[in-house]
Protein backbone atom coordinates (compact mmCIF):
# COMPACT_ATOMS: atom_id res chain seq x y z
CA UNK A 1 32.34 5.10 -23.47
CA UNK A 2 34.04 4.51 -20.16
CA UNK A 3 32.59 2.70 -17.17
CA UNK A 4 31.89 5.95 -15.43
CA UNK A 5 30.01 7.28 -18.40
CA UNK A 6 27.93 4.05 -18.57
CA UNK A 7 27.20 4.39 -14.90
CA UNK A 8 26.02 8.03 -15.27
CA UNK A 9 23.98 7.14 -18.29
CA UNK A 10 22.26 4.22 -16.28
CA UNK A 11 21.68 6.44 -13.35
CA UNK A 12 20.15 9.19 -15.53
CA UNK A 13 17.74 6.69 -17.24
CA UNK A 14 16.80 5.15 -14.01
CA UNK A 15 15.94 8.54 -12.50
CA UNK A 16 13.98 9.47 -15.69
CA UNK A 17 12.10 6.16 -15.47
CA UNK A 18 11.15 6.82 -11.68
CA UNK A 19 10.08 10.36 -12.64
CA UNK A 20 7.76 8.99 -15.43
CA UNK A 21 6.28 6.44 -13.04
CA UNK A 22 5.72 9.12 -10.36
CA UNK A 23 4.21 11.38 -12.84
CA UNK A 24 1.85 8.68 -14.32
CA UNK A 25 0.64 7.72 -10.80
CA UNK A 26 0.20 11.34 -9.83
CA UNK A 27 -1.84 12.02 -12.92
CA UNK A 28 -4.03 8.97 -12.36
CA UNK A 29 -4.71 9.95 -8.77
CA UNK A 30 -5.43 13.53 -9.87
CA UNK A 31 -8.03 12.36 -12.32
CA UNK A 32 -9.57 9.96 -9.87
CA UNK A 33 -9.62 12.71 -7.10
CA UNK A 34 -11.14 15.21 -9.31
CA UNK A 35 -13.82 13.07 -10.95
CA UNK A 36 -14.69 9.89 -9.00
CA UNK A 37 -13.70 10.36 -5.41
CA UNK A 38 -16.00 12.34 -2.97
CA UNK A 39 -15.42 14.16 0.16
CA UNK A 40 -12.19 13.91 2.26
CA UNK A 41 -10.78 11.14 0.11
CA UNK A 42 -10.89 13.30 -2.92
CA UNK A 43 -8.88 16.04 -1.28
CA UNK A 44 -6.39 13.49 0.07
CA UNK A 45 -5.98 12.05 -3.46
CA UNK A 46 -5.49 15.43 -5.02
CA UNK A 47 -2.86 16.39 -2.38
CA UNK A 48 -0.98 13.15 -2.86
CA UNK A 49 -1.21 13.60 -6.70
CA UNK A 50 0.18 17.13 -6.50
CA UNK A 51 3.03 15.83 -4.13
CA UNK A 52 3.92 13.10 -6.58
CA UNK A 53 3.90 15.42 -9.56
CA UNK A 54 6.21 17.83 -7.77
CA UNK A 55 8.50 14.93 -6.79
CA UNK A 56 8.50 13.74 -10.37
CA UNK A 57 9.64 17.23 -11.50
CA UNK A 58 12.43 17.31 -8.94
CA UNK A 59 13.77 13.97 -9.90
CA UNK A 60 13.71 14.92 -13.67
CA UNK A 61 15.50 18.10 -12.81
CA UNK A 62 18.16 16.20 -10.96
CA UNK A 63 18.58 13.74 -13.81
CA UNK A 64 18.94 16.60 -16.40
CA UNK A 65 21.22 18.62 -14.17
CA UNK A 66 23.51 15.58 -13.89
CA UNK A 67 23.67 15.38 -17.59
CA UNK A 68 24.14 18.93 -18.42
CA UNK A 69 26.52 19.95 -15.70
CA UNK A 70 28.63 16.88 -15.56
CA UNK A 71 32.36 17.45 -15.35
CA UNK A 72 33.76 16.59 -18.78
CA UNK A 73 37.37 16.01 -19.23
CA UNK A 74 37.24 16.19 -23.00
CA UNK A 75 36.48 19.92 -23.23
């Protein structure tokens, strides 16, 4: 494995970790917003949760795209 491949792997793993953290926080906020919170706070939490979940999906997509569509000199 070259240094460039190791750098790509580390970047992909870091992006996947951030996507997981964003998804977890988004799900927790969504559960709190739908069950515990009341009034405007609930709507704000649900909107922030949806935004975090969408951001998590985008980060995951970027990490996967970098892996699948990377230029490979060995082909």
